[in-house]
Structure formats: structure tokens, C-alpha cells
PDB file of N, CA and C in Angstrom:
ATOM      1  N   SER A   1       8.599  -6.328  -5.648  1.00  0.00           N
ATOM      2  CA  SER A   1       8.400  -6.450  -4.218  1.00  0.00           C
ATOM      3  C   SER A   1       9.175  -5.337  -3.519  1.00  0.00           C
ATOM      4  N   ILE A   2       8.502  -4.643  -2.628  1.00  0.00           N
ATOM      5  CA  ILE A   2       9.130  -3.564  -1.867  1.00  0.00           C
ATOM      6  C   ILE A   2       8.880  -3.819  -0.393  1.00  0.00           C
ATOM      7  N   GLN A   3       9.908  -3.649   0.391  1.00  0.00           N
ATOM      8  CA  GLN A   3       9.735  -3.749   1.836  1.00  0.00           C
ATOM      9  C   GLN A   3      10.819  -2.949   2.538  1.00  0.00           C
ATOM     10  N   VAL A   4      10.511  -2.555   3.763  1.00  0.00           N
ATOM     11  CA  VAL A   4      11.463  -1.811   4.583  1.00  0.00           C
ATOM     12  C   VAL A   4      12.107  -2.794   5.548  1.00  0.00           C
ATOM     13  N   ASP A   5      13.429  -2.809   5.592  1.00  0.00           N
ATOM     14  CA  ASP A   5      14.145  -3.668   6.520  1.00  0.00           C
ATOM     15  C   ASP A   5      13.657  -3.393   7.946  1.00  0.00           C
ATOM     16  N   ARG A   6      13.502  -4.444   8.711  1.00  0.00           N
ATOM     17  CA  ARG A   6      12.972  -4.307  10.080  1.00  0.00           C
ATOM     18  C   ARG A   6      13.748  -3.321  10.935  1.00  0.00           C
ATOM     19  N   SER A   7      15.041  -3.209  10.696  1.00  0.00           N
ATOM     20  CA  SER A   7      15.843  -2.293  11.505  1.00  0.00           C
ATOM     21  C   SER A   7      15.483  -0.827  11.241  1.00  0.00           C
ATOM     22  N   TYR A   8      14.716  -0.568  10.176  1.00  0.00           N
ATOM     23  CA  TYR A   8      14.296   0.797   9.844  1.00  0.00           C
ATOM     24  C   TYR A   8      12.801   1.041  10.077  1.00  0.00           C
ATOM     25  N   HIS A   9      12.092   0.038  10.590  1.00  0.00           N
ATOM     26  CA  HIS A   9      10.661   0.216  10.857  1.00  0.00           C
ATOM     27  C   HIS A   9      10.438   1.372  11.818  1.00  0.00           C
ATOM     28  N   GLY A  10       9.343   2.073  11.625  1.00  0.00           N
ATOM     29  CA  GLY A  10       8.973   3.152  12.530  1.00  0.00           C
ATOM     30  C   GLY A  10       9.660   4.479  12.251  1.00  0.00           C
ATOM     31  N   GLN A  11      10.404   4.566  11.147  1.00  0.00           N
ATOM     32  CA  GLN A  11      11.117   5.799  10.829  1.00  0.00           C
ATOM     33  C   GLN A  11      10.460   6.591   9.698  1.00  0.00           C
ATOM     34  N   GLY A  12       9.298   6.144   9.234  1.00  0.00           N
ATOM     35  CA  GLY A  12       8.574   6.870   8.197  1.00  0.00           C
ATOM     36  C   GLY A  12       8.949   6.517   6.774  1.00  0.00           C
ATOM     37  N   LEU A  13       9.853   5.554   6.587  1.00  0.00           N
ATOM     38  CA  LEU A  13      10.286   5.201   5.237  1.00  0.00           C
ATOM     39  C   LEU A  13       9.170   4.561   4.415  1.00  0.00           C
ATOM     40  N   GLY A  14       8.386   3.705   5.040  1.00  0.00           N
ATOM     41  CA  GLY A  14       7.275   3.060   4.337  1.00  0.00           C
ATOM     42  C   GLY A  14       6.255   4.083   3.859  1.00  0.00           C
ATOM     43  N   GLY A  15       5.933   5.025   4.721  1.00  0.00           N
ATOM     44  CA  GLY A  15       4.992   6.077   4.348  1.00  0.00           C
ATOM     45  C   GLY A  15       5.528   6.939   3.222  1.00  0.00           C
ATOM     46  N   THR A  16       6.819   7.248   3.279  1.00  0.00           N
ATOM     47  CA  THR A  16       7.445   8.048   2.222  1.00  0.00           C
ATOM     48  C   THR A  16       7.402   7.303   0.893  1.00  0.00           C
ATOM     49  N   MET A  17       7.709   6.006   0.911  1.00  0.00           N
ATOM     50  CA  MET A  17       7.657   5.213  -0.320  1.00  0.00           C
ATOM     51  C   MET A  17       6.239   5.158  -0.876  1.00  0.00           C
ATOM     52  N   MET A  18       5.264   4.921  -0.008  1.00  0.00           N
ATOM     53  CA  MET A  18       3.879   4.836  -0.475  1.00  0.00           C
ATOM     54  C   MET A  18       3.391   6.183  -0.985  1.00  0.00           C
ATOM     55  N   ASP A  19       3.779   7.273  -0.341  1.00  0.00           N
ATOM     56  CA  ASP A  19       3.412   8.604  -0.837  1.00  0.00           C
ATOM     57  C   ASP A  19       3.914   8.789  -2.264  1.00  0.00           C
ATOM     58  N   ARG A  20       5.153   8.392  -2.507  1.00  0.00           N
ATOM     59  CA  ARG A  20       5.739   8.561  -3.839  1.00  0.00           C
ATOM     60  C   ARG A  20       5.070   7.656  -4.865  1.00  0.00           C
ATOM     61  N   ILE A  21       4.812   6.414  -4.500  1.00  0.00           N
ATOM     62  CA  ILE A  21       4.128   5.484  -5.407  1.00  0.00           C
ATOM     63  C   ILE A  21       2.753   6.026  -5.775  1.00  0.00           C
ATOM     64  N   GLU A  22       2.005   6.494  -4.786  1.00  0.00           N
ATOM     65  CA  GLU A  22       0.666   7.025  -5.034  1.00  0.00           C
ATOM     66  C   GLU A  22       0.725   8.296  -5.864  1.00  0.00           C
ATOM     67  N   ALA A  23       1.707   9.162  -5.613  1.00  0.00           N
ATOM     68  CA  ALA A  23       1.845  10.398  -6.386  1.00  0.00           C
ATOM     69  C   ALA A  23       2.154  10.080  -7.851  1.00  0.00           C
ATOM     70  N   LEU A  24       3.064   9.133  -8.081  1.00  0.00           N
ATOM     71  CA  LEU A  24       3.384   8.745  -9.451  1.00  0.00           C
ATOM     72  C   LEU A  24       2.175   8.152 -10.164  1.00  0.00           C
ATOM     73  N   ALA A  25       1.436   7.298  -9.474  1.00  0.00           N
ATOM     74  CA  ALA A  25       0.233   6.709 -10.065  1.00  0.00           C
ATOM     75  C   ALA A  25      -0.780   7.797 -10.397  1.00  0.00           C
ATOM     76  N   ASN A  26      -0.935   8.755  -9.508  1.00  0.00           N
ATOM     77  CA  ASN A  26      -1.863   9.858  -9.732  1.00  0.00           C
ATOM     78  C   ASN A  26      -1.424  10.699 -10.926  1.00  0.00           C
ATOM     79  N   GLU A  27      -0.128  11.001 -11.012  1.00  0.00           N
ATOM     80  CA  GLU A  27       0.404  11.776 -12.131  1.00  0.00           C
ATOM     81  C   GLU A  27       0.176  11.077 -13.464  1.00  0.00           C
ATOM     82  N   LYS A  28       0.203   9.749 -13.451  1.00  0.00           N
ATOM     83  CA  LYS A  28      -0.003   8.967 -14.671  1.00  0.00           C
ATOM     84  C   LYS A  28      -1.484   8.771 -14.981  1.00  0.00           C
ATOM     85  N   GLY A  29      -2.363   9.321 -14.135  1.00  0.00           N
ATOM     86  CA  GLY A  29      -3.801   9.216 -14.370  1.00  0.00           C
ATOM     87  C   GLY A  29      -4.401   7.876 -14.000  1.00  0.00           C
ATOM     88  N   MET A  30      -3.702   7.108 -13.190  1.00  0.00           N
ATOM     89  CA  MET A  30      -4.215   5.797 -12.782  1.00  0.00           C
ATOM     90  C   MET A  30      -5.341   5.972 -11.773  1.00  0.00           C
ATOM     91  N   GLU A  31      -6.278   5.043 -11.801  1.00  0.00           N
ATOM     92  CA  GLU A  31      -7.430   5.106 -10.910  1.00  0.00           C
ATOM     93  C   GLU A  31      -7.098   4.711  -9.486  1.00  0.00           C
ATOM     94  N   GLY A  32      -6.066   3.907  -9.310  1.00  0.00           N
ATOM     95  CA  GLY A  32      -5.744   3.447  -7.969  1.00  0.00           C
ATOM     96  C   GLY A  32      -4.452   2.657  -7.929  1.00  0.00           C
ATOM     97  N   VAL A  33      -4.154   2.168  -6.742  1.00  0.00           N
ATOM     98  CA  VAL A  33      -2.964   1.355  -6.503  1.00  0.00           C
ATOM     99  C   VAL A  33      -3.429   0.065  -5.838  1.00  0.00           C
ATOM    100  N   GLU A  34      -2.893  -1.047  -6.294  1.00  0.00           N
ATOM    101  CA  GLU A  34      -3.184  -2.344  -5.693  1.00  0.00           C
ATOM    102  C   GLU A  34      -1.892  -2.961  -5.188  1.00  0.00           C
ATOM    103  N   LEU A  35      -2.009  -3.744  -4.122  1.00  0.00           N
ATOM    104  CA  LEU A  35      -0.844  -4.421  -3.567  1.00  0.00           C
ATOM    105  C   LEU A  35      -1.274  -5.717  -2.901  1.00  0.00           C
ATOM    106  N   CYS A  36      -0.319  -6.603  -2.728  1.00  0.00           N
ATOM    107  CA  CYS A  36      -0.552  -7.862  -2.011  1.00  0.00           C
ATOM    108  C   CYS A  36       0.238  -7.831  -0.715  1.00  0.00           C
ATOM    109  N   VAL A  37      -0.357  -8.378   0.320  1.00  0.00           N
ATOM    110  CA  VAL A  37       0.293  -8.460   1.620  1.00  0.00           C
ATOM    111  C   VAL A  37      -0.066  -9.813   2.236  1.00  0.00           C
ATOM    112  N   GLN A  38       0.859 -10.365   2.986  1.00  0.00           N
ATOM    113  CA  GLN A  38       0.584 -11.630   3.671  1.00  0.00           C
ATOM    114  C   GLN A  38      -0.549 -11.438   4.672  1.00  0.00           C
ATOM    115  N   GLU A  39      -1.484 -12.351   4.669  1.00  0.00           N
ATOM    116  CA  GLU A  39      -2.634 -12.269   5.573  1.00  0.00           C
ATOM    117  C   GLU A  39      -2.194 -12.180   7.039  1.00  0.00           C
ATOM    118  N   THR A  40      -1.122 -12.851   7.379  1.00  0.00           N
ATOM    119  CA  THR A  40      -0.661 -12.879   8.769  1.00  0.00           C
ATOM    120  C   THR A  40       0.157 -11.650   9.166  1.00  0.00           C
ATOM    121  N   ASN A  41       0.473 -10.784   8.205  1.00  0.00           N
ATOM    122  CA  ASN A  41       1.275  -9.589   8.487  1.00  0.00           C
ATOM    123  C   ASN A  41       0.331  -8.462   8.930  1.00  0.00           C
ATOM    124  N   LEU A  42      -0.128  -8.569  10.157  1.00  0.00           N
ATOM    125  CA  LEU A  42      -1.126  -7.631  10.670  1.00  0.00           C
ATOM    126  C   LEU A  42      -0.608  -6.205  10.745  1.00  0.00           C
ATOM    127  N   ARG A  43       0.668  -6.050  11.043  1.00  0.00           N
ATOM    128  CA  ARG A  43       1.236  -4.697  11.109  1.00  0.00           C
ATOM    129  C   ARG A  43       1.174  -4.009   9.748  1.00  0.00           C
ATOM    130  N   ALA A  44       1.567  -4.724   8.696  1.00  0.00           N
ATOM    131  CA  ALA A  44       1.516  -4.150   7.348  1.00  0.00           C
ATOM    132  C   ALA A  44       0.078  -3.911   6.911  1.00  0.00           C
ATOM    133  N   ARG A  45      -0.797  -4.850   7.176  1.00  0.00           N
ATOM    134  CA  ARG A  45      -2.207  -4.662   6.784  1.00  0.00           C
ATOM    135  C   ARG A  45      -2.802  -3.444   7.465  1.00  0.00           C
ATOM    136  N   SER A  46      -2.488  -3.254   8.726  1.00  0.00           N
ATOM    137  CA  SER A  46      -2.965  -2.085   9.454  1.00  0.00           C
ATOM    138  C   SER A  46      -2.388  -0.797   8.852  1.00  0.00           C
ATOM    139  N   PHE A  47      -1.101  -0.814   8.528  1.00  0.00           N
ATOM    140  CA  PHE A  47      -0.441   0.327   7.901  1.00  0.00           C
ATOM    141  C   PHE A  47      -1.170   0.721   6.616  1.00  0.00           C
ATOM    142  N   TYR A  48      -1.457  -0.267   5.759  1.00  0.00           N
ATOM    143  CA  TYR A  48      -2.130   0.028   4.494  1.00  0.00           C
ATOM    144  C   TYR A  48      -3.566   0.497   4.714  1.00  0.00           C
ATOM    145  N   GLN A  49      -4.277  -0.128   5.648  1.00  0.00           N
ATOM    146  CA  GLN A  49      -5.654   0.288   5.920  1.00  0.00           C
ATOM    147  C   GLN A  49      -5.695   1.726   6.426  1.00  0.00           C
ATOM    148  N   GLU A  50      -4.741   2.111   7.245  1.00  0.00           N
ATOM    149  CA  GLU A  50      -4.678   3.491   7.729  1.00  0.00           C
ATOM    150  C   GLU A  50      -4.427   4.471   6.593  1.00  0.00           C
ATOM    151  N   ARG A  51      -3.827   4.003   5.514  1.00  0.00           N
ATOM    152  CA  ARG A  51      -3.561   4.838   4.337  1.00  0.00           C
ATOM    153  C   ARG A  51      -4.713   4.802   3.340  1.00  0.00           C
ATOM    154  N   GLY A  52      -5.779   4.087   3.659  1.00  0.00           N
ATOM    155  CA  GLY A  52      -6.957   4.061   2.795  1.00  0.00           C
ATOM    156  C   GLY A  52      -7.089   2.844   1.902  1.00  0.00           C
ATOM    157  N   TYR A  53      -6.232   1.843   2.075  1.00  0.00           N
ATOM    158  CA  TYR A  53      -6.332   0.620   1.283  1.00  0.00           C
ATOM    159  C   TYR A  53      -7.379  -0.302   1.893  1.00  0.00           C
ATOM    160  N   GLN A  54      -8.161  -0.931   1.008  1.00  0.00           N
ATOM    161  CA  GLN A  54      -9.197  -1.858   1.444  1.00  0.00           C
ATOM    162  C   GLN A  54      -8.921  -3.230   0.850  1.00  0.00           C
ATOM    163  N   PRO A  55      -9.145  -4.289   1.642  1.00  0.00           N
ATOM    164  CA  PRO A  55      -8.970  -5.634   1.088  1.00  0.00           C
ATOM    165  C   PRO A  55     -10.040  -5.892   0.019  1.00  0.00           C
ATOM    166  N   ILE A  56      -9.615  -6.466  -1.120  1.00  0.00           N
ATOM    167  CA  ILE A  56     -10.582  -6.760  -2.178  1.00  0.00           C
ATOM    168  C   ILE A  56     -10.710  -8.249  -2.461  1.00  0.00           C
ATOM    169  N   TRP A  57      -9.680  -9.035  -2.189  1.00  0.00           N
ATOM    170  CA  TRP A  57      -9.782 -10.489  -2.258  1.00  0.00           C
ATOM    171  C   TRP A  57      -8.610 -11.140  -1.564  1.00  0.00           C
ATOM    172  N   ARG A  58      -8.789 -12.404  -1.323  1.00  0.00           N
ATOM    173  CA  ARG A  58      -7.763 -13.200  -0.651  1.00  0.00           C
ATOM    174  C   ARG A  58      -7.503 -14.444  -1.473  1.00  0.00           C
ATOM    175  N   LYS A  59      -6.239 -14.793  -1.629  1.00  0.00           N
ATOM    176  CA  LYS A  59      -5.871 -16.033  -2.306  1.00  0.00           C
ATOM    177  C   LYS A  59      -4.754 -16.679  -1.509  1.00  0.00           C
ATOM    178  N   GLY A  60      -5.036 -17.846  -0.985  1.00  0.00           N
ATOM    179  CA  GLY A  60      -4.052 -18.508  -0.140  1.00  0.00           C
ATOM    180  C   GLY A  60      -3.764 -17.643   1.072  1.00  0.00           C
ATOM    181  N   SER A  61      -2.487 -17.336   1.290  1.00  0.00           N
ATOM    182  CA  SER A  61      -2.116 -16.533   2.455  1.00  0.00           C
ATOM    183  C   SER A  61      -1.917 -15.058   2.091  1.00  0.00           C
ATOM    184  N   ASN A  62      -2.307 -14.675   0.873  1.00  0.00           N
ATOM    185  CA  ASN A  62      -2.149 -13.294   0.433  1.00  0.00           C
ATOM    186  C   ASN A  62      -3.484 -12.561   0.387  1.00  0.00           C
ATOM    187  N   VAL A  63      -3.439 -11.280   0.726  1.00  0.00           N
ATOM    188  CA  VAL A  63      -4.607 -10.411   0.640  1.00  0.00           C
ATOM    189  C   VAL A  63      -4.275  -9.309  -0.360  1.00  0.00           C
ATOM    190  N   MET A  64      -5.142  -9.152  -1.365  1.00  0.00           N
ATOM    191  CA  MET A  64      -4.992  -8.048  -2.315  1.00  0.00           C
ATOM    192  C   MET A  64      -5.738  -6.859  -1.739  1.00  0.00           C
ATOM    193  N   MET A  65      -5.062  -5.697  -1.737  1.00  0.00           N
ATOM    194  CA  MET A  65      -5.672  -4.475  -1.213  1.00  0.00           C
ATOM    195  C   MET A  65      -5.626  -3.407  -2.298  1.00  0.00           C
ATOM    196  N   ARG A  66      -6.603  -2.501  -2.271  1.00  0.00           N
ATOM    197  CA  ARG A  66      -6.683  -1.459  -3.288  1.00  0.00           C
ATOM    198  C   ARG A  66      -7.016  -0.117  -2.636  1.00  0.00           C
ATOM    199  N   LYS A  67      -6.413   0.935  -3.201  1.00  0.00           N
ATOM    200  CA  LYS A  67      -6.738   2.295  -2.815  1.00  0.00           C
ATOM    201  C   LYS A  67      -7.085   3.058  -4.081  1.00  0.00           C
ATOM    202  N   ARG A  68      -8.250   3.648  -4.105  1.00  0.00           N
ATOM    203  CA  ARG A  68      -8.642   4.493  -5.238  1.00  0.00           C
ATOM    204  C   ARG A  68      -8.007   5.858  -5.079  1.00  0.00           C
ATOM    205  N   LEU A  69      -7.522   6.390  -6.182  1.00  0.00           N
ATOM    206  CA  LEU A  69      -6.879   7.702  -6.183  1.00  0.00           C
ATOM    207  C   LEU A  69      -7.797   8.730  -6.812  1.00  0.00           C
ATOM    208  N   MET A  70      -7.635   9.974  -6.394  1.00  0.00           N
ATOM    209  CA  MET A  70      -8.379  11.056  -7.013  1.00  0.00           C
ATOM    210  C   MET A  70      -7.441  11.782  -7.954  1.00  0.00           C
ATOM    211  N   SER A  71      -7.821  11.895  -9.192  1.00  0.00           N
ATOM    212  CA  SER A  71      -6.994  12.594 -10.168  1.00  0.00           C
ATOM    213  C   SER A  71      -6.919  14.069  -9.823  1.00  0.00           C
ATOM    214  N   GLN A  72      -5.735  14.626  -9.959  1.00  0.00           N
ATOM    215  CA  GLN A  72      -5.541  16.044  -9.651  1.00  0.00           C
ATOM    216  C   GLN A  72      -5.532  16.882 -10.921  1.00  0.00           C
ATOM    217  N   GLY A  73      -6.051  16.348 -12.012  1.00  0.00           N
ATOM    218  CA  GLY A  73      -6.005  17.070 -13.270  1.00  0.00           C
ATOM    219  C   GLY A  73      -7.305  17.524 -13.789  1.00  0.00           C
TER     220      GLY A  73
END
């Protein structure tokens, strides 16, 4: 589980973390990145959607989201 403390929201830390996670996944040849987010966490869901993540299923109060990566190799 990864999250940015609320006192640091809006400073670009979440984007920096996601950039690194996606870069590592891409370097390892992975097809994409998946994550779970609370359905009611609209701010986080919007953040992920703006980064290209799409909801793929919902279970209880969680939404699974996926972003396909393009291999750079």
C-alpha cells in the first residue's frame, strides 16, 4: 500500500511515485500496472484516470484500475 500523507498533497509526490513505478514496470517488460482505490476516493480516482488508468472491475468499495504500458525496447 502506498499513499501520500495529506499534508503533502498537491506537491507532485504522487505523480513522481507513479512515474517511477511505471518506469520500473516498463523496464521489466510488464504490460501494465494495476492498482486498487476506494470507490469513494474521487480525488485519487481522478488522479489515476488523468494518468491513463481505467477502471476494470469493482469489488465491494474498491475499484481496480489498470494502465497499459508501451514497451520501450
